[in-house]
Amino acid sequence: MQIPKDQILSLLKGQGDDDKAQQAEGELPDTVDTDEHAGLLSKLGISPADLLSKLGGGGAAGGIAGKLGL
């Protein structure tokens, strides 16, 4: 799944993890593919599965899937 970097940064900042958000800002591409960039996400301590569930990829109302019209 492709996720805008801004969504990941918002999630990290919302969790109070400004250091990881700053690191992600410099290392992640503008559009993050959870499969292709799994290594980068892991380096930042982010599990692609957890990321999808926290951003609403699991069907949660108001999540990223809804925002992207998926």
N, C-alpha and C. Protein backbone atom coordinates (compact mmCIF):
# COMPACT_ATOMS: atom_id res chain seq x y z
N MET A 1 0.84 -1.18 0.00
CA MET A 1 0.00 0.00 0.00
C MET A 1 0.89 1.24 0.00
N GLN A 2 0.47 2.26 -0.70
CA GLN A 2 1.22 3.51 -0.75
C GLN A 2 0.60 4.52 0.21
N ILE A 3 1.45 5.14 1.00
CA ILE A 3 1.02 6.09 2.02
C ILE A 3 1.84 7.36 1.88
N PRO A 4 1.20 8.51 1.87
CA PRO A 4 1.96 9.77 1.83
C PRO A 4 2.85 9.91 3.07
N LYS A 5 4.06 10.37 2.86
CA LYS A 5 5.00 10.54 3.96
C LYS A 5 4.40 11.43 5.05
N ASP A 6 3.66 12.44 4.66
CA ASP A 6 3.06 13.36 5.63
C ASP A 6 2.17 12.65 6.64
N GLN A 7 1.48 11.61 6.19
CA GLN A 7 0.62 10.84 7.10
C GLN A 7 1.46 10.11 8.14
N ILE A 8 2.58 9.57 7.73
CA ILE A 8 3.47 8.87 8.66
C ILE A 8 4.08 9.86 9.64
N LEU A 9 4.48 11.03 9.14
CA LEU A 9 5.05 12.05 10.01
C LEU A 9 4.02 12.51 11.03
N SER A 10 2.79 12.70 10.61
CA SER A 10 1.72 13.12 11.52
C SER A 10 1.49 12.07 12.60
N LEU A 11 1.51 10.80 12.20
CA LEU A 11 1.33 9.72 13.16
C LEU A 11 2.44 9.74 14.20
N LEU A 12 3.69 9.85 13.75
CA LEU A 12 4.82 9.86 14.68
C LEU A 12 4.75 11.07 15.61
N LYS A 13 4.44 12.22 15.05
CA LYS A 13 4.34 13.44 15.88
C LYS A 13 3.19 13.32 16.86
N GLY A 14 2.09 12.72 16.42
CA GLY A 14 0.94 12.53 17.29
C GLY A 14 1.23 11.60 18.46
N GLN A 15 2.21 10.73 18.27
CA GLN A 15 2.62 9.81 19.33
C GLN A 15 3.71 10.43 20.19
N GLY A 16 4.07 11.69 19.87
CA GLY A 16 5.10 12.37 20.64
C GLY A 16 6.51 11.95 20.29
N ASP A 17 6.68 11.33 19.13
CA ASP A 17 7.99 10.83 18.73
C ASP A 17 8.62 11.77 17.69
N ASP A 18 8.94 12.98 18.14
CA ASP A 18 9.48 13.99 17.24
C ASP A 18 10.83 13.60 16.64
N ASP A 19 11.65 12.86 17.40
CA ASP A 19 12.96 12.44 16.89
C ASP A 19 12.79 11.51 15.69
N LYS A 20 11.90 10.53 15.83
CA LYS A 20 11.66 9.60 14.71
C LYS A 20 10.99 10.32 13.55
N ALA A 21 10.12 11.27 13.85
CA ALA A 21 9.47 12.04 12.79
C ALA A 21 10.51 12.82 11.99
N GLN A 22 11.47 13.41 12.69
CA GLN A 22 12.53 14.16 12.01
C GLN A 22 13.39 13.22 11.17
N GLN A 23 13.69 12.05 11.70
CA GLN A 23 14.48 11.06 10.96
C GLN A 23 13.70 10.59 9.72
N ALA A 24 12.41 10.34 9.90
CA ALA A 24 11.57 9.89 8.79
C ALA A 24 11.50 10.97 7.70
N GLU A 25 11.42 12.22 8.10
CA GLU A 25 11.36 13.33 7.15
C GLU A 25 12.55 13.29 6.20
N GLY A 26 13.72 12.97 6.73
CA GLY A 26 14.92 12.95 5.91
C GLY A 26 15.15 11.67 5.13
N GLU A 27 14.55 10.57 5.56
CA GLU A 27 14.86 9.28 4.96
C GLU A 27 13.76 8.69 4.07
N LEU A 28 12.52 9.03 4.34
CA LEU A 28 11.43 8.43 3.57
C LEU A 28 11.15 9.23 2.30
N PRO A 29 10.75 8.55 1.25
CA PRO A 29 10.32 9.26 0.03
C PRO A 29 8.95 9.91 0.27
N ASP A 30 8.54 10.79 -0.63
CA ASP A 30 7.26 11.48 -0.49
C ASP A 30 6.08 10.52 -0.43
N THR A 31 6.16 9.43 -1.18
CA THR A 31 5.14 8.38 -1.13
C THR A 31 5.82 7.09 -0.70
N VAL A 32 5.36 6.55 0.41
CA VAL A 32 5.97 5.35 0.99
C VAL A 32 5.15 4.13 0.58
N ASP A 33 5.81 3.16 -0.03
CA ASP A 33 5.19 1.88 -0.35
C ASP A 33 5.54 0.93 0.79
N THR A 34 4.53 0.43 1.48
CA THR A 34 4.77 -0.37 2.68
C THR A 34 5.57 -1.65 2.40
N ASP A 35 5.48 -2.16 1.18
CA ASP A 35 6.27 -3.34 0.83
C ASP A 35 7.69 -2.95 0.42
N GLU A 36 7.78 -2.01 -0.50
CA GLU A 36 9.07 -1.60 -1.02
C GLU A 36 9.96 -0.94 0.03
N HIS A 37 9.36 -0.19 0.94
CA HIS A 37 10.12 0.56 1.93
C HIS A 37 10.04 -0.05 3.33
N ALA A 38 9.74 -1.33 3.41
CA ALA A 38 9.61 -2.00 4.70
C ALA A 38 10.90 -1.89 5.52
N GLY A 39 12.04 -1.94 4.86
CA GLY A 39 13.32 -1.82 5.55
C GLY A 39 13.50 -0.46 6.21
N LEU A 40 13.15 0.60 5.48
CA LEU A 40 13.23 1.95 6.04
C LEU A 40 12.26 2.12 7.21
N LEU A 41 11.05 1.60 7.04
CA LEU A 41 10.07 1.69 8.11
C LEU A 41 10.55 0.95 9.35
N SER A 42 11.12 -0.23 9.15
CA SER A 42 11.65 -1.01 10.25
C SER A 42 12.77 -0.27 10.97
N LYS A 43 13.63 0.37 10.19
CA LYS A 43 14.74 1.15 10.75
C LYS A 43 14.22 2.26 11.66
N LEU A 44 13.03 2.77 11.34
CA LEU A 44 12.40 3.82 12.14
C LEU A 44 11.54 3.25 13.27
N GLY A 45 11.52 1.92 13.37
CA GLY A 45 10.74 1.28 14.42
C GLY A 45 9.27 1.19 14.10
N ILE A 46 8.96 1.20 12.80
CA ILE A 46 7.57 1.15 12.36
C ILE A 46 7.31 -0.17 11.63
N SER A 47 6.35 -0.92 12.12
CA SER A 47 5.93 -2.14 11.44
C SER A 47 4.90 -1.76 10.39
N PRO A 48 5.06 -2.20 9.13
CA PRO A 48 4.05 -1.88 8.11
C PRO A 48 2.63 -2.29 8.53
N ALA A 49 2.49 -3.43 9.17
CA ALA A 49 1.17 -3.88 9.61
C ALA A 49 0.60 -2.94 10.67
N ASP A 50 1.44 -2.54 11.63
CA ASP A 50 0.98 -1.61 12.66
C ASP A 50 0.65 -0.26 12.05
N LEU A 51 1.47 0.17 11.10
CA LEU A 51 1.25 1.44 10.43
C LEU A 51 -0.11 1.46 9.75
N LEU A 52 -0.41 0.40 9.02
CA LEU A 52 -1.70 0.33 8.31
C LEU A 52 -2.87 0.34 9.28
N SER A 53 -2.73 -0.38 10.40
CA SER A 53 -3.84 -0.41 11.35
C SER A 53 -4.00 0.94 12.05
N LYS A 54 -2.89 1.61 12.38
CA LYS A 54 -2.98 2.90 13.06
C LYS A 54 -3.50 3.99 12.14
N LEU A 55 -3.23 3.86 10.84
CA LEU A 55 -3.70 4.86 9.89
C LEU A 55 -5.05 4.49 9.31
N GLY A 56 -5.64 3.42 9.79
CA GLY A 56 -6.98 3.07 9.35
C GLY A 56 -7.04 2.15 8.16
N GLY A 57 -5.92 1.55 7.79
CA GLY A 57 -5.91 0.62 6.67
C GLY A 57 -6.72 -0.62 6.94
N GLY A 58 -7.05 -0.86 8.22
CA GLY A 58 -7.83 -2.03 8.58
C GLY A 58 -9.32 -1.78 8.52
N GLY A 59 -9.72 -0.67 7.92
CA GLY A 59 -11.13 -0.39 7.79
C GLY A 59 -11.68 0.58 8.80
N ALA A 60 -10.84 1.15 9.63
CA ALA A 60 -11.31 2.10 10.65
C ALA A 60 -11.82 3.38 9.98
N ALA A 61 -12.94 3.86 10.43
CA ALA A 61 -13.52 5.08 9.86
C ALA A 61 -12.60 6.27 10.10
N GLY A 62 -12.45 7.09 9.10
CA GLY A 62 -11.62 8.28 9.24
C GLY A 62 -10.15 8.05 9.07
N GLY A 63 -9.75 6.81 8.76
CA GLY A 63 -8.34 6.50 8.58
C GLY A 63 -7.86 6.94 7.22
N ILE A 64 -6.63 6.60 6.93
CA ILE A 64 -6.03 7.02 5.67
C ILE A 64 -6.77 6.44 4.47
N ALA A 65 -7.28 5.23 4.61
CA ALA A 65 -7.98 4.62 3.49
C ALA A 65 -9.18 5.47 3.08
N GLY A 66 -9.89 6.00 4.06
CA GLY A 66 -11.02 6.87 3.78
C GLY A 66 -10.58 8.18 3.16
N LYS A 67 -9.49 8.72 3.65
CA LYS A 67 -8.98 9.99 3.13
C LYS A 67 -8.50 9.87 1.69
N LEU A 68 -7.99 8.69 1.37
CA LEU A 68 -7.49 8.48 0.01
C LEU A 68 -8.56 7.93 -0.92
N GLY A 69 -9.74 7.68 -0.37
CA GLY A 69 -10.82 7.15 -1.18
C GLY A 69 -10.66 5.70 -1.55
N LEU A 70 -9.99 4.95 -0.68
CA LEU A 70 -9.75 3.52 -0.96
C LEU A 70 -10.84 2.67 -0.34
